[in-house]
Amino acid sequence: MKLVIMLLLPILMFGQTIEKESGFKDKVDTAYANAMKGVYYALENIPERKNSVSKDLISDDELIAKVKISKGISGVSVNAVGFHNSYKVTVEVYRDYKSLKKEKLIDYIPRTK
């Protein structure tokens, strides 16, 4: 009987730890996926006239991402914050106008003043 307890005790202890870590990883991965949804949304919806735009992405009455698009002299900066429950992940992306035009995300390269 002692042998069975000695063999099962470590499995029970470490099994719970692994489950907690995988739950944490899943929640952070979901928050990261929501942030990436914000990045994709921003790159598909770059404003033509405004230099800076902020947008909240909401799905099923739940905030999944906050997106800020800022246009600069040589490119576009996207700051996306993804949410899942109490977890928050921030992703910042900078893309130059030439690569955006090559991928057909914009029609023309804006003139610099």
PDB file of N, CA and C in Angstrom:
ATOM      1  N   MET A   1       0.826  -1.191   0.000  1.00  0.00           N
ATOM      2  CA  MET A   1       0.000   0.000   0.000  1.00  0.00           C
ATOM      3  C   MET A   1       0.877   1.264   0.000  1.00  0.00           C
ATOM      4  N   LYS A   2       1.953   1.222   0.790  1.00  0.00           N
ATOM      5  CA  LYS A   2       2.855   2.368   0.833  1.00  0.00           C
ATOM      6  C   LYS A   2       3.508   2.599  -0.526  1.00  0.00           C
ATOM      7  N   LEU A   3       3.781   1.505  -1.221  1.00  0.00           N
ATOM      8  CA  LEU A   3       4.394   1.614  -2.536  1.00  0.00           C
ATOM      9  C   LEU A   3       3.461   2.322  -3.519  1.00  0.00           C
ATOM     10  N   VAL A   4       2.187   1.992  -3.461  1.00  0.00           N
ATOM     11  CA  VAL A   4       1.215   2.623  -4.355  1.00  0.00           C
ATOM     12  C   VAL A   4       1.101   4.114  -4.050  1.00  0.00           C
ATOM     13  N   ILE A   5       1.062   4.457  -2.776  1.00  0.00           N
ATOM     14  CA  ILE A   5       0.982   5.864  -2.377  1.00  0.00           C
ATOM     15  C   ILE A   5       2.238   6.609  -2.795  1.00  0.00           C
ATOM     16  N   MET A   6       3.392   5.982  -2.630  1.00  0.00           N
ATOM     17  CA  MET A   6       4.653   6.621  -3.007  1.00  0.00           C
ATOM     18  C   MET A   6       4.721   6.862  -4.512  1.00  0.00           C
ATOM     19  N   LEU A   7       4.126   5.975  -5.306  1.00  0.00           N
ATOM     20  CA  LEU A   7       4.150   6.150  -6.751  1.00  0.00           C
ATOM     21  C   LEU A   7       3.116   7.166  -7.228  1.00  0.00           C
ATOM     22  N   LEU A   8       1.957   7.223  -6.585  1.00  0.00           N
ATOM     23  CA  LEU A   8       0.894   8.121  -7.018  1.00  0.00           C
ATOM     24  C   LEU A   8       1.064   9.558  -6.528  1.00  0.00           C
ATOM     25  N   LEU A   9       1.719   9.751  -5.394  1.00  0.00           N
ATOM     26  CA  LEU A   9       1.865  11.090  -4.825  1.00  0.00           C
ATOM     27  C   LEU A   9       2.576  12.056  -5.777  1.00  0.00           C
ATOM     28  N   PRO A  10       3.739  11.702  -6.345  1.00  0.00           N
ATOM     29  CA  PRO A  10       4.378  12.654  -7.275  1.00  0.00           C
ATOM     30  C   PRO A  10       3.541  12.930  -8.528  1.00  0.00           C
ATOM     31  N   ILE A  11       2.848  11.907  -9.001  1.00  0.00           N
ATOM     32  CA  ILE A  11       2.020  12.095 -10.195  1.00  0.00           C
ATOM     33  C   ILE A  11       0.905  13.086  -9.899  1.00  0.00           C
ATOM     34  N   LEU A  12       0.287  12.967  -8.757  1.00  0.00           N
ATOM     35  CA  LEU A  12      -0.785  13.885  -8.396  1.00  0.00           C
ATOM     36  C   LEU A  12      -0.269  15.308  -8.214  1.00  0.00           C
ATOM     37  N   MET A  13       0.888  15.437  -7.587  1.00  0.00           N
ATOM     38  CA  MET A  13       1.442  16.772  -7.345  1.00  0.00           C
ATOM     39  C   MET A  13       1.858  17.448  -8.650  1.00  0.00           C
ATOM     40  N   PHE A  14       2.615  16.753  -9.484  1.00  0.00           N
ATOM     41  CA  PHE A  14       3.115  17.360 -10.713  1.00  0.00           C
ATOM     42  C   PHE A  14       2.037  17.446 -11.784  1.00  0.00           C
ATOM     43  N   GLY A  15       1.074  16.573 -11.766  1.00  0.00           N
ATOM     44  CA  GLY A  15      -0.021  16.622 -12.733  1.00  0.00           C
ATOM     45  C   GLY A  15      -0.822  17.901 -12.593  1.00  0.00           C
ATOM     46  N   GLN A  16      -1.058  18.363 -11.376  1.00  0.00           N
ATOM     47  CA  GLN A  16      -1.795  19.600 -11.156  1.00  0.00           C
ATOM     48  C   GLN A  16      -0.971  20.804 -11.601  1.00  0.00           C
ATOM     49  N   THR A  17       0.324  20.765 -11.389  1.00  0.00           N
ATOM     50  CA  THR A  17       1.189  21.872 -11.802  1.00  0.00           C
ATOM     51  C   THR A  17       1.195  22.004 -13.315  1.00  0.00           C
ATOM     52  N   ILE A  18       1.293  20.904 -14.020  1.00  0.00           N
ATOM     53  CA  ILE A  18       1.302  20.937 -15.478  1.00  0.00           C
ATOM     54  C   ILE A  18      -0.028  21.475 -16.000  1.00  0.00           C
ATOM     55  N   GLU A  19      -1.127  21.087 -15.373  1.00  0.00           N
ATOM     56  CA  GLU A  19      -2.440  21.568 -15.794  1.00  0.00           C
ATOM     57  C   GLU A  19      -2.562  23.073 -15.593  1.00  0.00           C
ATOM     58  N   LYS A  20      -2.052  23.589 -14.484  1.00  0.00           N
ATOM     59  CA  LYS A  20      -2.118  25.033 -14.237  1.00  0.00           C
ATOM     60  C   LYS A  20      -1.281  25.798 -15.254  1.00  0.00           C
ATOM     61  N   GLU A  21      -0.091  25.293 -15.579  1.00  0.00           N
ATOM     62  CA  GLU A  21       0.766  25.970 -16.544  1.00  0.00           C
ATOM     63  C   GLU A  21       0.144  25.958 -17.928  1.00  0.00           C
ATOM     64  N   SER A  22      -0.459  24.853 -18.313  1.00  0.00           N
ATOM     65  CA  SER A  22      -1.069  24.801 -19.641  1.00  0.00           C
ATOM     66  C   SER A  22      -2.294  25.712 -19.699  1.00  0.00           C
ATOM     67  N   GLY A  23      -3.032  25.845 -18.607  1.00  0.00           N
ATOM     68  CA  GLY A  23      -4.163  26.776 -18.567  1.00  0.00           C
ATOM     69  C   GLY A  23      -3.693  28.211 -18.731  1.00  0.00           C
ATOM     70  N   PHE A  24      -2.598  28.566 -18.079  1.00  0.00           N
ATOM     71  CA  PHE A  24      -2.016  29.904 -18.205  1.00  0.00           C
ATOM     72  C   PHE A  24      -1.581  30.155 -19.643  1.00  0.00           C
ATOM     73  N   LYS A  25      -0.896  29.165 -20.220  1.00  0.00           N
ATOM     74  CA  LYS A  25      -0.408  29.307 -21.589  1.00  0.00           C
ATOM     75  C   LYS A  25      -1.568  29.461 -22.567  1.00  0.00           C
ATOM     76  N   ASP A  26      -2.628  28.703 -22.377  1.00  0.00           N
ATOM     77  CA  ASP A  26      -3.793  28.803 -23.267  1.00  0.00           C
ATOM     78  C   ASP A  26      -4.428  30.186 -23.193  1.00  0.00           C
ATOM     79  N   LYS A  27      -4.510  30.742 -22.003  1.00  0.00           N
ATOM     80  CA  LYS A  27      -5.126  32.066 -21.843  1.00  0.00           C
ATOM     81  C   LYS A  27      -4.265  33.156 -22.464  1.00  0.00           C
ATOM     82  N   VAL A  28      -2.959  33.063 -22.288  1.00  0.00           N
ATOM     83  CA  VAL A  28      -2.055  34.045 -22.893  1.00  0.00           C
ATOM     84  C   VAL A  28      -2.064  33.898 -24.413  1.00  0.00           C
ATOM     85  N   ASP A  29      -2.105  32.661 -24.912  1.00  0.00           N
ATOM     86  CA  ASP A  29      -2.176  32.443 -26.355  1.00  0.00           C
ATOM     87  C   ASP A  29      -3.461  33.026 -26.945  1.00  0.00           C
ATOM     88  N   THR A  30      -4.561  32.899 -26.228  1.00  0.00           N
ATOM     89  CA  THR A  30      -5.829  33.467 -26.695  1.00  0.00           C
ATOM     90  C   THR A  30      -5.746  34.990 -26.730  1.00  0.00           C
ATOM     91  N   ALA A  31      -5.144  35.594 -25.702  1.00  0.00           N
ATOM     92  CA  ALA A  31      -4.976  37.046 -25.686  1.00  0.00           C
ATOM     93  C   ALA A  31      -4.069  37.491 -26.838  1.00  0.00           C
ATOM     94  N   TYR A  32      -3.020  36.724 -27.118  1.00  0.00           N
ATOM     95  CA  TYR A  32      -2.125  37.034 -28.245  1.00  0.00           C
ATOM     96  C   TYR A  32      -2.867  36.915 -29.575  1.00  0.00           C
ATOM     97  N   ALA A  33      -3.684  35.879 -29.725  1.00  0.00           N
ATOM     98  CA  ALA A  33      -4.464  35.707 -30.958  1.00  0.00           C
ATOM     99  C   ALA A  33      -5.423  36.884 -31.154  1.00  0.00           C
ATOM    100  N   ASN A  34      -6.025  37.376 -30.070  1.00  0.00           N
ATOM    101  CA  ASN A  34      -6.914  38.532 -30.164  1.00  0.00           C
ATOM    102  C   ASN A  34      -6.141  39.786 -30.561  1.00  0.00           C
ATOM    103  N   ALA A  35      -4.921  39.942 -30.038  1.00  0.00           N
ATOM    104  CA  ALA A  35      -4.084  41.089 -30.425  1.00  0.00           C
ATOM    105  C   ALA A  35      -3.728  41.008 -31.909  1.00  0.00           C
ATOM    106  N   MET A  36      -3.439  39.816 -32.402  1.00  0.00           N
ATOM    107  CA  MET A  36      -3.114  39.654 -33.813  1.00  0.00           C
ATOM    108  C   MET A  36      -4.335  39.922 -34.695  1.00  0.00           C
ATOM    109  N   LYS A  37      -5.540  39.611 -34.213  1.00  0.00           N
ATOM    110  CA  LYS A  37      -6.758  39.974 -34.948  1.00  0.00           C
ATOM    111  C   LYS A  37      -6.820  41.493 -35.106  1.00  0.00           C
ATOM    112  N   GLY A  38      -6.425  42.207 -34.055  1.00  0.00           N
ATOM    113  CA  GLY A  38      -6.384  43.659 -34.116  1.00  0.00           C
ATOM    114  C   GLY A  38      -5.368  44.159 -35.127  1.00  0.00           C
ATOM    115  N   VAL A  39      -4.203  43.520 -35.195  1.00  0.00           N
ATOM    116  CA  VAL A  39      -3.174  43.912 -36.161  1.00  0.00           C
ATOM    117  C   VAL A  39      -3.681  43.690 -37.580  1.00  0.00           C
ATOM    118  N   TYR A  40      -4.283  42.529 -37.834  1.00  0.00           N
ATOM    119  CA  TYR A  40      -4.804  42.245 -39.174  1.00  0.00           C
ATOM    120  C   TYR A  40      -5.905  43.236 -39.549  1.00  0.00           C
ATOM    121  N   TYR A  41      -6.776  43.542 -38.592  1.00  0.00           N
ATOM    122  CA  TYR A  41      -7.839  44.504 -38.837  1.00  0.00           C
ATOM    123  C   TYR A  41      -7.238  45.870 -39.207  1.00  0.00           C
ATOM    124  N   ALA A  42      -6.228  46.286 -38.458  1.00  0.00           N
ATOM    125  CA  ALA A  42      -5.610  47.598 -38.693  1.00  0.00           C
ATOM    126  C   ALA A  42      -4.948  47.663 -40.060  1.00  0.00           C
ATOM    127  N   LEU A  43      -4.228  46.618 -40.449  1.00  0.00           N
ATOM    128  CA  LEU A  43      -3.542  46.637 -41.737  1.00  0.00           C
ATOM    129  C   LEU A  43      -4.527  46.609 -42.910  1.00  0.00           C
ATOM    130  N   GLU A  44      -5.691  46.017 -42.702  1.00  0.00           N
ATOM    131  CA  GLU A  44      -6.713  45.999 -43.757  1.00  0.00           C
ATOM    132  C   GLU A  44      -7.501  47.307 -43.818  1.00  0.00           C
ATOM    133  N   ASN A  45      -7.461  48.109 -42.750  1.00  0.00           N
ATOM    134  CA  ASN A  45      -8.276  49.327 -42.668  1.00  0.00           C
ATOM    135  C   ASN A  45      -7.434  50.561 -42.365  1.00  0.00           C
ATOM    136  N   ILE A  46      -6.362  50.768 -43.102  1.00  0.00           N
ATOM    137  CA  ILE A  46      -5.519  51.944 -42.918  1.00  0.00           C
ATOM    138  C   ILE A  46      -6.269  53.155 -43.464  1.00  0.00           C
ATOM    139  N   PRO A  47      -6.452  54.197 -42.659  1.00  0.00           N
ATOM    140  CA  PRO A  47      -7.210  55.363 -43.136  1.00  0.00           C
ATOM    141  C   PRO A  47      -6.409  56.150 -44.177  1.00  0.00           C
ATOM    142  N   GLU A  48      -7.141  56.710 -45.148  1.00  0.00           N
ATOM    143  CA  GLU A  48      -6.458  57.475 -46.194  1.00  0.00           C
ATOM    144  C   GLU A  48      -6.118  58.881 -45.735  1.00  0.00           C
ATOM    145  N   ARG A  49      -7.000  59.514 -44.985  1.00  0.00           N
ATOM    146  CA  ARG A  49      -6.812  60.927 -44.653  1.00  0.00           C
ATOM    147  C   ARG A  49      -6.309  61.174 -43.235  1.00  0.00           C
ATOM    148  N   LYS A  50      -6.749  60.409 -42.282  1.00  0.00           N
ATOM    149  CA  LYS A  50      -6.358  60.659 -40.887  1.00  0.00           C
ATOM    150  C   LYS A  50      -4.982  60.092 -40.596  1.00  0.00           C
ATOM    151  N   ASN A  51      -4.260  60.758 -39.684  1.00  0.00           N
ATOM    152  CA  ASN A  51      -2.938  60.286 -39.301  1.00  0.00           C
ATOM    153  C   ASN A  51      -2.971  59.290 -38.160  1.00  0.00           C
ATOM    154  N   SER A  52      -4.016  59.335 -37.350  1.00  0.00           N
ATOM    155  CA  SER A  52      -4.108  58.431 -36.206  1.00  0.00           C
ATOM    156  C   SER A  52      -5.568  58.053 -35.966  1.00  0.00           C
ATOM    157  N   VAL A  53      -5.801  56.761 -35.763  1.00  0.00           N
ATOM    158  CA  VAL A  53      -7.149  56.251 -35.526  1.00  0.00           C
ATOM    159  C   VAL A  53      -7.080  55.193 -34.440  1.00  0.00           C
ATOM    160  N   SER A  54      -8.062  55.216 -33.530  1.00  0.00           N
ATOM    161  CA  SER A  54      -8.179  54.179 -32.491  1.00  0.00           C
ATOM    162  C   SER A  54      -9.506  53.462 -32.672  1.00  0.00           C
ATOM    163  N   LYS A  55      -9.500  52.157 -32.402  1.00  0.00           N
ATOM    164  CA  LYS A  55     -10.703  51.357 -32.590  1.00  0.00           C
ATOM    165  C   LYS A  55     -10.722  50.238 -31.558  1.00  0.00           C
ATOM    166  N   ASP A  56     -11.900  49.938 -31.022  1.00  0.00           N
ATOM    167  CA  ASP A  56     -12.093  48.794 -30.129  1.00  0.00           C
ATOM    168  C   ASP A  56     -12.781  47.690 -30.913  1.00  0.00           C
ATOM    169  N   LEU A  57     -12.237  46.484 -30.853  1.00  0.00           N
ATOM    170  CA  LEU A  57     -12.862  45.336 -31.500  1.00  0.00           C
ATOM    171  C   LEU A  57     -13.647  44.560 -30.449  1.00  0.00           C
ATOM    172  N   ILE A  58     -14.941  44.390 -30.687  1.00  0.00           N
ATOM    173  CA  ILE A  58     -15.830  43.745 -29.722  1.00  0.00           C
ATOM    174  C   ILE A  58     -16.502  42.561 -30.395  1.00  0.00           C
ATOM    175  N   SER A  59     -16.534  41.436 -29.694  1.00  0.00           N
ATOM    176  CA  SER A  59     -17.203  40.243 -30.191  1.00  0.00           C
ATOM    177  C   SER A  59     -18.026  39.644 -29.063  1.00  0.00           C
ATOM    178  N   ASP A  60     -19.304  39.415 -29.309  1.00  0.00           N
ATOM    179  CA  ASP A  60     -20.213  38.841 -28.299  1.00  0.00           C
ATOM    180  C   ASP A  60     -20.199  39.640 -27.005  1.00  0.00           C
ATOM    181  N   ASP A  61     -20.286  40.965 -27.121  1.00  0.00           N
ATOM    182  CA  ASP A  61     -20.292  41.879 -25.973  1.00  0.00           C
ATOM    183  C   ASP A  61     -19.042  41.756 -25.102  1.00  0.00           C
ATOM    184  N   GLU A  62     -17.937  41.385 -25.708  1.00  0.00           N
ATOM    185  CA  GLU A  62     -16.673  41.238 -24.981  1.00  0.00           C
ATOM    186  C   GLU A  62     -15.576  41.950 -25.768  1.00  0.00           C
ATOM    187  N   LEU A  63     -14.809  42.792 -25.087  1.00  0.00           N
ATOM    188  CA  LEU A  63     -13.698  43.498 -25.715  1.00  0.00           C
ATOM    189  C   LEU A  63     -12.580  42.505 -25.993  1.00  0.00           C
ATOM    190  N   ILE A  64     -12.220  42.353 -27.269  1.00  0.00           N
ATOM    191  CA  ILE A  64     -11.138  41.416 -27.579  1.00  0.00           C
ATOM    192  C   ILE A  64      -9.838  42.133 -27.931  1.00  0.00           C
ATOM    193  N   ALA A  65      -9.937  43.377 -28.440  1.00  0.00           N
ATOM    194  CA  ALA A  65      -8.705  44.097 -28.792  1.00  0.00           C
ATOM    195  C   ALA A  65      -8.957  45.598 -28.876  1.00  0.00           C
ATOM    196  N   LYS A  66      -7.928  46.356 -28.532  1.00  0.00           N
ATOM    197  CA  LYS A  66      -7.889  47.796 -28.758  1.00  0.00           C
ATOM    198  C   LYS A  66      -6.775  48.033 -29.769  1.00  0.00           C
ATOM    199  N   VAL A  67      -7.099  48.802 -30.805  1.00  0.00           N
ATOM    200  CA  VAL A  67      -6.151  49.010 -31.896  1.00  0.00           C
ATOM    201  C   VAL A  67      -5.911  50.496 -32.079  1.00  0.00           C
ATOM    202  N   LYS A  68      -4.645  50.868 -32.275  1.00  0.00           N
ATOM    203  CA  LYS A  68      -4.296  52.251 -32.608  1.00  0.00           C
ATOM    204  C   LYS A  68      -3.405  52.220 -33.840  1.00  0.00           C
ATOM    205  N   ILE A  69      -3.831  52.949 -34.873  1.00  0.00           N
ATOM    206  CA  ILE A  69      -3.093  53.044 -36.123  1.00  0.00           C
ATOM    207  C   ILE A  69      -2.527  54.457 -36.216  1.00  0.00           C
ATOM    208  N   SER A  70      -1.212  54.574 -36.416  1.00  0.00           N
ATOM    209  CA  SER A  70      -0.564  55.879 -36.556  1.00  0.00           C
ATOM    210  C   SER A  70       0.241  55.892 -37.842  1.00  0.00           C
ATOM    211  N   LYS A  71      -0.024  56.884 -38.684  1.00  0.00           N
ATOM    212  CA  LYS A  71       0.722  57.021 -39.926  1.00  0.00           C
ATOM    213  C   LYS A  71       1.890  57.974 -39.694  1.00  0.00           C
ATOM    214  N   GLY A  72       3.042  57.587 -40.202  1.00  0.00           N
ATOM    215  CA  GLY A  72       4.226  58.421 -40.081  1.00  0.00           C
ATOM    216  C   GLY A  72       4.732  58.829 -41.446  1.00  0.00           C
ATOM    217  N   ILE A  73       5.941  59.364 -41.487  1.00  0.00           N
ATOM    218  CA  ILE A  73       6.524  59.843 -42.741  1.00  0.00           C
ATOM    219  C   ILE A  73       6.825  58.681 -43.682  1.00  0.00           C
ATOM    220  N   SER A  74       7.337  57.583 -43.150  1.00  0.00           N
ATOM    221  CA  SER A  74       7.758  56.494 -44.034  1.00  0.00           C
ATOM    222  C   SER A  74       6.978  55.196 -43.835  1.00  0.00           C
ATOM    223  N   GLY A  75       5.951  55.201 -42.967  1.00  0.00           N
ATOM    224  CA  GLY A  75       5.221  53.962 -42.770  1.00  0.00           C
ATOM    225  C   GLY A  75       4.091  54.086 -41.771  1.00  0.00           C
ATOM    226  N   VAL A  76       3.546  52.944 -41.410  1.00  0.00           N
ATOM    227  CA  VAL A  76       2.400  52.861 -40.515  1.00  0.00           C
ATOM    228  C   VAL A  76       2.794  52.074 -39.273  1.00  0.00           C
ATOM    229  N   SER A  77       2.413  52.594 -38.121  1.00  0.00           N
ATOM    230  CA  SER A  77       2.656  51.928 -36.849  1.00  0.00           C
ATOM    231  C   SER A  77       1.313  51.447 -36.293  1.00  0.00           C
ATOM    232  N   VAL A  78       1.268  50.175 -35.901  1.00  0.00           N
ATOM    233  CA  VAL A  78       0.051  49.590 -35.343  1.00  0.00           C
ATOM    234  C   VAL A  78       0.355  49.104 -33.934  1.00  0.00           C
ATOM    235  N   ASN A  79      -0.457  49.554 -33.001  1.00  0.00           N
ATOM    236  CA  ASN A  79      -0.349  49.111 -31.615  1.00  0.00           C
ATOM    237  C   ASN A  79      -1.664  48.405 -31.276  1.00  0.00           C
ATOM    238  N   ALA A  80      -1.596  47.088 -31.018  1.00  0.00           N
ATOM    239  CA  ALA A  80      -2.798  46.311 -30.718  1.00  0.00           C
ATOM    240  C   ALA A  80      -2.651  45.662 -29.351  1.00  0.00           C
ATOM    241  N   VAL A  81      -3.692  45.785 -28.538  1.00  0.00           N
ATOM    242  CA  VAL A  81      -3.723  45.163 -27.217  1.00  0.00           C
ATOM    243  C   VAL A  81      -4.839  44.133 -27.243  1.00  0.00           C
ATOM    244  N   GLY A  82      -4.471  42.859 -27.054  1.00  0.00           N
ATOM    245  CA  GLY A  82      -5.453  41.780 -27.054  1.00  0.00           C
ATOM    246  C   GLY A  82      -5.819  41.407 -25.631  1.00  0.00           C
ATOM    247  N   PHE A  83      -7.083  41.067 -25.420  1.00  0.00           N
ATOM    248  CA  PHE A  83      -7.586  40.733 -24.089  1.00  0.00           C
ATOM    249  C   PHE A  83      -8.205  39.344 -24.076  1.00  0.00           C
ATOM    250  N   HIS A  84      -8.054  38.669 -22.962  1.00  0.00           N
ATOM    251  CA  HIS A  84      -8.791  37.434 -22.676  1.00  0.00           C
ATOM    252  C   HIS A  84      -8.924  37.338 -21.162  1.00  0.00           C
ATOM    253  N   ASN A  85     -10.157  37.448 -20.686  1.00  0.00           N
ATOM    254  CA  ASN A  85     -10.443  37.494 -19.247  1.00  0.00           C
ATOM    255  C   ASN A  85      -9.601  38.601 -18.612  1.00  0.00           C
ATOM    256  N   SER A  86      -8.697  38.272 -17.713  1.00  0.00           N
ATOM    257  CA  SER A  86      -7.884  39.302 -17.067  1.00  0.00           C
ATOM    258  C   SER A  86      -6.484  39.393 -17.673  1.00  0.00           C
ATOM    259  N   TYR A  87      -6.249  38.716 -18.778  1.00  0.00           N
ATOM    260  CA  TYR A  87      -4.943  38.722 -19.423  1.00  0.00           C
ATOM    261  C   TYR A  87      -4.923  39.768 -20.535  1.00  0.00           C
ATOM    262  N   LYS A  88      -3.751  40.405 -20.699  1.00  0.00           N
ATOM    263  CA  LYS A  88      -3.588  41.458 -21.695  1.00  0.00           C
ATOM    264  C   LYS A  88      -2.230  41.282 -22.377  1.00  0.00           C
ATOM    265  N   VAL A  89      -2.234  41.269 -23.714  1.00  0.00           N
ATOM    266  CA  VAL A  89      -1.008  41.126 -24.496  1.00  0.00           C
ATOM    267  C   VAL A  89      -0.932  42.289 -25.482  1.00  0.00           C
ATOM    268  N   THR A  90       0.216  42.952 -25.552  1.00  0.00           N
ATOM    269  CA  THR A  90       0.416  44.077 -26.457  1.00  0.00           C
ATOM    270  C   THR A  90       1.340  43.668 -27.598  1.00  0.00           C
ATOM    271  N   VAL A  91       0.928  44.008 -28.827  1.00  0.00           N
ATOM    272  CA  VAL A  91       1.740  43.746 -30.019  1.00  0.00           C
ATOM    273  C   VAL A  91       1.895  45.065 -30.761  1.00  0.00           C
ATOM    274  N   GLU A  92       3.136  45.430 -31.078  1.00  0.00           N
ATOM    275  CA  GLU A  92       3.409  46.637 -31.854  1.00  0.00           C
ATOM    276  C   GLU A  92       4.082  46.232 -33.157  1.00  0.00           C
ATOM    277  N   VAL A  93       3.559  46.774 -34.261  1.00  0.00           N
ATOM    278  CA  VAL A  93       4.061  46.432 -35.588  1.00  0.00           C
ATOM    279  C   VAL A  93       4.312  47.721 -36.352  1.00  0.00           C
ATOM    280  N   TYR A  94       5.421  47.775 -37.077  1.00  0.00           N
ATOM    281  CA  TYR A  94       5.708  48.905 -37.952  1.00  0.00           C
ATOM    282  C   TYR A  94       5.886  48.365 -39.366  1.00  0.00           C
ATOM    283  N   ARG A  95       5.169  48.932 -40.325  1.00  0.00           N
ATOM    284  CA  ARG A  95       5.273  48.523 -41.730  1.00  0.00           C
ATOM    285  C   ARG A  95       5.530  49.758 -42.574  1.00  0.00           C
ATOM    286  N   ASP A  96       6.481  49.674 -43.492  1.00  0.00           N
ATOM    287  CA  ASP A  96       6.753  50.813 -44.374  1.00  0.00           C
ATOM    288  C   ASP A  96       5.778  50.801 -45.552  1.00  0.00           C
ATOM    289  N   TYR A  97       5.626  51.953 -46.186  1.00  0.00           N
ATOM    290  CA  TYR A  97       4.652  52.111 -47.256  1.00  0.00           C
ATOM    291  C   TYR A  97       4.962  51.227 -48.469  1.00  0.00           C
ATOM    292  N   LYS A  98       6.250  51.037 -48.777  1.00  0.00           N
ATOM    293  CA  LYS A  98       6.607  50.221 -49.943  1.00  0.00           C
ATOM    294  C   LYS A  98       6.128  48.781 -49.783  1.00  0.00           C
ATOM    295  N   SER A  99       6.315  48.197 -48.599  1.00  0.00           N
ATOM    296  CA  SER A  99       5.861  46.818 -48.399  1.00  0.00           C
ATOM    297  C   SER A  99       4.336  46.731 -48.367  1.00  0.00           C
ATOM    298  N   LEU A 100       3.672  47.759 -47.847  1.00  0.00           N
ATOM    299  CA  LEU A 100       2.204  47.774 -47.847  1.00  0.00           C
ATOM    300  C   LEU A 100       1.655  47.862 -49.270  1.00  0.00           C
ATOM    301  N   LYS A 101       2.319  48.652 -50.127  1.00  0.00           N
ATOM    302  CA  LYS A 101       1.886  48.760 -51.522  1.00  0.00           C
ATOM    303  C   LYS A 101       2.156  47.455 -52.270  1.00  0.00           C
ATOM    304  N   LYS A 102       3.295  46.823 -51.985  1.00  0.00           N
ATOM    305  CA  LYS A 102       3.639  45.561 -52.638  1.00  0.00           C
ATOM    306  C   LYS A 102       2.611  44.471 -52.286  1.00  0.00           C
ATOM    307  N   GLU A 103       2.117  44.469 -51.045  1.00  0.00           N
ATOM    308  CA  GLU A 103       1.111  43.485 -50.616  1.00  0.00           C
ATOM    309  C   GLU A 103      -0.316  43.936 -50.943  1.00  0.00           C
ATOM    310  N   LYS A 104      -0.430  45.081 -51.634  1.00  0.00           N
ATOM    311  CA  LYS A 104      -1.714  45.636 -52.074  1.00  0.00           C
ATOM    312  C   LYS A 104      -2.659  45.953 -50.913  1.00  0.00           C
ATOM    313  N   LEU A 105      -2.080  46.392 -49.801  1.00  0.00           N
ATOM    314  CA  LEU A 105      -2.888  46.852 -48.671  1.00  0.00           C
ATOM    315  C   LEU A 105      -3.215  48.336 -48.799  1.00  0.00           C
ATOM    316  N   ILE A 106      -2.397  49.051 -49.589  1.00  0.00           N
ATOM    317  CA  ILE A 106      -2.684  50.452 -49.912  1.00  0.00           C
ATOM    318  C   ILE A 106      -2.541  50.618 -51.420  1.00  0.00           C
ATOM    319  N   ASP A 107      -3.189  51.656 -51.956  1.00  0.00           N
ATOM    320  CA  ASP A 107      -3.154  51.882 -53.399  1.00  0.00           C
ATOM    321  C   ASP A 107      -1.980  52.756 -53.839  1.00  0.00           C
ATOM    322  N   TYR A 108      -1.559  53.660 -52.980  1.00  0.00           N
ATOM    323  CA  TYR A 108      -0.479  54.564 -53.350  1.00  0.00           C
ATOM    324  C   TYR A 108       0.332  54.918 -52.106  1.00  0.00           C
ATOM    325  N   ILE A 109       1.534  55.421 -52.343  1.00  0.00           N
ATOM    326  CA  ILE A 109       2.410  55.855 -51.254  1.00  0.00           C
ATOM    327  C   ILE A 109       2.150  57.341 -51.028  1.00  0.00           C
ATOM    328  N   PRO A 110       1.769  57.742 -49.814  1.00  0.00           N
ATOM    329  CA  PRO A 110       1.479  59.148 -49.557  1.00  0.00           C
ATOM    330  C   PRO A 110       2.715  60.026 -49.743  1.00  0.00           C
ATOM    331  N   ARG A 111       2.478  61.246 -50.203  1.00  0.00           N
ATOM    332  CA  ARG A 111       3.568  62.213 -50.371  1.00  0.00           C
ATOM    333  C   ARG A 111       3.987  62.719 -49.004  1.00  0.00           C
ATOM    334  N   THR A 112       5.274  62.981 -48.851  1.00  0.00           N
ATOM    335  CA  THR A 112       5.775  63.602 -47.620  1.00  0.00           C
ATOM    336  C   THR A 112       5.924  65.085 -47.856  1.00  0.00           C
ATOM    337  N   LYS A 113       5.638  65.862 -46.846  1.00  0.00           N
ATOM    338  CA  LYS A 113       5.686  67.330 -46.976  1.00  0.00           C
ATOM    339  C   LYS A 113       7.010  67.858 -46.540  1.00  0.00           C
TER     340      LYS A 113
END
